[in-house]
Protein backbone atom coordinates (compact mmCIF):
# COMPACT_ATOMS: atom_id res chain seq x y z
CA MET A 1 92.31 -48.25 -216.76
CA SER A 2 92.13 -44.63 -217.88
CA SER A 3 89.41 -43.46 -220.25
CA ALA A 4 92.08 -43.10 -222.96
CA ASN A 5 92.75 -46.85 -222.69
CA LEU A 6 89.11 -47.93 -222.94
CA VAL A 7 88.31 -50.23 -225.81
CA THR A 8 85.52 -48.91 -228.04
CA ILE A 9 82.47 -50.96 -227.20
CA PRO A 10 79.87 -51.72 -229.87
CA ARG A 11 76.48 -50.28 -229.01
CA GLY A 12 73.71 -52.31 -227.40
CA ARG A 13 71.89 -52.14 -224.06
CA TYR A 14 74.20 -54.53 -222.20
CA LEU A 15 77.35 -53.27 -223.82
CA LEU A 16 76.41 -49.71 -222.89
CA ASP A 17 75.87 -50.91 -219.30
CA LEU A 18 79.39 -52.36 -219.28
CA GLU A 19 80.85 -49.18 -220.76
CA SER A 20 79.29 -46.98 -218.10
CA GLN A 21 80.45 -49.29 -215.30
CA LEU A 22 84.04 -49.42 -216.61
CA ARG A 23 84.39 -45.72 -215.84
CA THR A 24 84.16 -46.51 -212.12
CA PHE A 25 87.08 -48.98 -212.02
CA ALA A 26 90.81 -48.35 -212.38
CA ASP A 27 91.07 -51.83 -213.94
CA PRO A 28 88.14 -53.95 -215.07
CA PRO A 29 87.16 -56.49 -212.41
CA GLU A 30 87.64 -60.14 -213.33
CA ARG A 31 84.09 -60.98 -212.26
CA LEU A 32 80.79 -60.28 -214.02
CA VAL A 33 77.49 -60.77 -212.19
CA LEU A 34 74.37 -61.56 -214.17
CA ARG A 35 71.38 -60.81 -212.00
CA CYS A 36 67.71 -59.95 -212.01
CA GLU A 37 66.68 -56.43 -212.92
CA GLU A 38 64.52 -56.13 -209.80
CA PRO A 39 65.90 -54.06 -206.93
CA ASP A 40 67.65 -55.91 -204.14
CA PRO A 41 65.28 -57.27 -201.52
CA ALA A 42 65.88 -55.13 -198.45
CA ARG A 43 66.35 -58.01 -196.01
CA THR A 44 69.17 -59.82 -197.81
CA PRO A 45 72.88 -59.28 -197.22
CA GLY A 46 74.71 -57.39 -199.95
CA TRP A 47 76.22 -59.77 -202.47
CA GLU A 48 78.92 -57.16 -203.10
CA GLN A 49 80.35 -57.94 -199.65
CA VAL A 50 80.50 -61.64 -200.52
CA LEU A 51 81.80 -61.42 -204.09
CA GLY A 52 83.81 -58.21 -204.18
CA PRO A 53 84.15 -55.86 -207.16
CA ALA A 54 82.25 -56.91 -210.27
CA LEU A 55 80.64 -55.69 -213.43
CA VAL A 56 76.87 -56.22 -213.29
CA LEU A 57 74.38 -56.97 -216.04
CA ARG A 58 70.69 -57.05 -215.11
CA THR A 59 68.16 -59.05 -217.09
CA THR A 60 64.61 -60.21 -216.59
CA GLY A 61 64.97 -63.08 -214.14
CA ALA A 62 68.71 -63.35 -214.92
CA THR A 63 67.84 -65.09 -218.18
CA LEU A 64 70.38 -65.54 -220.95
CA SER A 65 67.91 -65.04 -223.80
CA ASP A 66 67.77 -61.23 -223.83
CA PRO A 67 68.96 -59.81 -227.17
CA GLY A 68 72.55 -58.59 -227.00
CA LEU A 69 73.37 -60.27 -223.70
CA ARG A 70 75.58 -63.01 -225.16
CA GLU A 71 77.56 -60.44 -227.13
CA ALA A 72 78.15 -58.47 -223.93
CA LEU A 73 79.31 -61.63 -222.14
CA TYR A 74 81.66 -62.53 -225.01
CA PHE A 75 83.00 -58.98 -225.04
CA ALA A 76 83.60 -59.04 -221.27
CA VAL A 77 85.53 -62.31 -221.54
CA ARG A 78 87.46 -61.54 -224.72
CA GLU A 79 88.24 -57.83 -224.29
CA LEU A 80 87.98 -57.14 -220.56
CA GLY A 81 89.53 -60.32 -219.21
CA THR A 82 86.49 -61.51 -217.25
CA LYS A 83 87.43 -64.80 -215.59
CA GLU A 84 84.27 -65.53 -213.60
CA LEU A 85 80.57 -65.26 -214.47
CA VAL A 86 78.16 -65.28 -211.54
CA VAL A 87 74.45 -65.90 -212.02
CA LEU A 88 72.67 -64.42 -209.00
CA LEU A 89 68.95 -64.60 -208.27
CA HIS A 90 66.85 -64.04 -205.18
CA SER A 91 64.01 -66.19 -203.93
CA CYS A 92 61.39 -63.46 -204.46
CA CYS A 93 61.96 -62.92 -208.17
CA SER A 94 58.55 -62.00 -209.56
CA HIS A 95 59.70 -62.76 -213.12
CA LEU A 96 60.06 -66.45 -212.28
CA SER A 97 56.86 -66.90 -210.28
CA PRO A 98 53.72 -66.12 -212.21
CA GLY A 99 50.63 -66.00 -210.05
CA SER A 100 52.41 -64.67 -206.97
CA GLY A 101 52.22 -61.11 -205.84
CA PRO A 102 49.66 -58.56 -204.64
CA ASP A 103 46.75 -60.06 -206.63
CA GLN A 104 47.33 -63.48 -205.11
CA GLU A 105 47.50 -61.99 -201.61
CA VAL A 106 44.18 -60.16 -202.16
CA ARG A 107 42.52 -63.44 -203.20
CA GLU A 108 43.83 -65.07 -200.01
CA LYS A 109 42.57 -62.35 -197.64
CA GLY A 110 39.26 -64.14 -197.12
CA LEU A 111 40.94 -67.40 -196.14
CA PRO A 112 41.36 -68.50 -192.51
CA PHE A 113 44.65 -67.42 -190.95
CA MET A 114 46.45 -70.79 -191.11
CA ASP A 115 45.38 -71.30 -194.73
CA ARG A 116 46.96 -67.94 -195.56
CA VAL A 117 50.16 -68.98 -193.75
CA TYR A 118 50.30 -72.27 -195.66
CA ALA A 119 49.62 -70.46 -198.95
CA ARG A 120 52.47 -68.02 -198.27
CA MET A 121 54.82 -70.87 -197.37
CA ALA A 122 53.89 -72.70 -200.57
CA ARG A 123 54.46 -69.55 -202.65
CA ALA A 124 57.84 -68.95 -201.01
CA GLN A 125 58.87 -72.55 -201.67
CA GLY A 126 57.71 -72.27 -205.30
CA ARG A 127 59.66 -69.05 -205.84
CA LEU A 128 62.79 -70.57 -204.31
CA GLN A 129 62.49 -73.63 -206.54
CA ALA A 130 61.97 -71.42 -209.62
CA ALA A 131 65.11 -69.41 -208.75
CA ARG A 132 67.13 -72.61 -208.25
CA ASN A 133 65.91 -73.99 -211.57
CA GLN A 134 66.81 -70.77 -213.39
CA VAL A 135 70.29 -70.69 -211.87
CA ARG A 136 70.83 -74.38 -212.70
CA THR A 137 69.73 -73.83 -216.32
CA ALA A 138 71.88 -70.71 -216.73
CA ILE A 139 75.01 -72.38 -215.32
CA HIS A 140 74.64 -75.38 -217.63
CA THR A 141 73.97 -73.12 -220.62
CA LEU A 142 77.08 -71.04 -219.90
CA ALA A 143 79.21 -74.15 -219.35
CA ASP A 144 78.08 -75.57 -222.73
CA ASP A 145 79.00 -72.39 -224.64
CA PRO A 146 82.37 -72.94 -226.38
CA LEU A 147 83.13 -69.21 -226.33
CA LEU A 148 82.84 -69.18 -222.53
CA GLU A 149 84.49 -72.50 -221.69
CA GLN A 150 87.60 -70.88 -220.16
CA VAL A 151 85.48 -68.88 -217.70
CA ASP A 152 84.48 -70.12 -214.25
CA THR A 153 80.74 -70.02 -213.63
CA VAL A 154 79.07 -69.65 -210.25
CA GLY A 155 75.36 -69.87 -209.50
CA LEU A 156 73.94 -68.23 -206.38
CA VAL A 157 70.45 -67.81 -204.93
CA GLN A 158 69.74 -65.37 -202.11
CA ILE A 159 66.95 -66.75 -199.92
CA VAL A 160 65.19 -63.55 -198.91
CA GLU A 161 63.13 -65.09 -196.12
CA SER A 162 66.20 -66.27 -194.17
CA GLY A 163 69.04 -64.12 -195.50
CA VAL A 164 70.96 -67.26 -196.51
CA MET A 165 72.81 -67.48 -199.80
CA VAL A 166 73.13 -70.87 -201.50
CA ALA A 167 75.57 -71.87 -204.25
CA TYR A 168 74.91 -74.32 -207.05
CA ASP A 169 77.38 -77.19 -207.48
CA PRO A 170 76.91 -78.51 -211.04
CA GLU A 171 79.00 -81.64 -210.42
CA ARG A 172 76.63 -82.74 -207.64
CA ASP A 173 73.59 -80.94 -209.11
CA ALA A 174 72.91 -79.58 -205.64
CA PHE A 175 72.73 -76.29 -203.74
CA GLU A 176 74.49 -75.67 -200.44
CA ALA A 177 74.59 -72.71 -198.07
CA VAL A 178 77.55 -70.36 -198.34
CA LEU A 179 76.43 -67.50 -196.11
C-alpha cells in the first residue's frame, strides 16, 4: 500500500500507532497483536517468529479498557481488513501482579534461602495465573463484541521462566503449549 493509498486515520494514541506502523508494510497485515506495553522479556522467543507480520498495539497489561483502543480495533477490522486479533501477555507482567517486584524481593532478603525460593515460585505462579486470567477475559470480551464477531481471536501467554508459549482455547476454557 503506497502512502497515496493510505486511508486518513482519525487521531488518537492507538490510531496514530497504527498509522505509523502502516508505513512499514506494502499491504496491511491481516493480524493485529494487542500486547503489554512493557518491553519483551529477554529470555522469551520472539512472538514475531511464531505469528508473522502484524500490526501491534501496546496497552497496560493488554487491557481493552484504554480510551481509544476499541476505536483503533474497529478501524483495523473495518478499514484495514484485519482478520485476526491476538492478545499476547507474558508471565512477568508487572501491571497484572501488584506486590511483586524489587520491593518484594528486598523484603524477602532476610528470609532463609528455601523460603526465598518458595516465595519466588509462588510469585511466578501468581503472575502466570494473572496473565492467563487477563487473556481469558480479553478473548471473551472481544468475542462478545458484535463489531468484532467476524474476526478470529487468539490468546497467548509467554511463560518467561521456561520460554514456552501457551494458547487459550475458549471452547475448552483451557491453555495448552504451542511452542
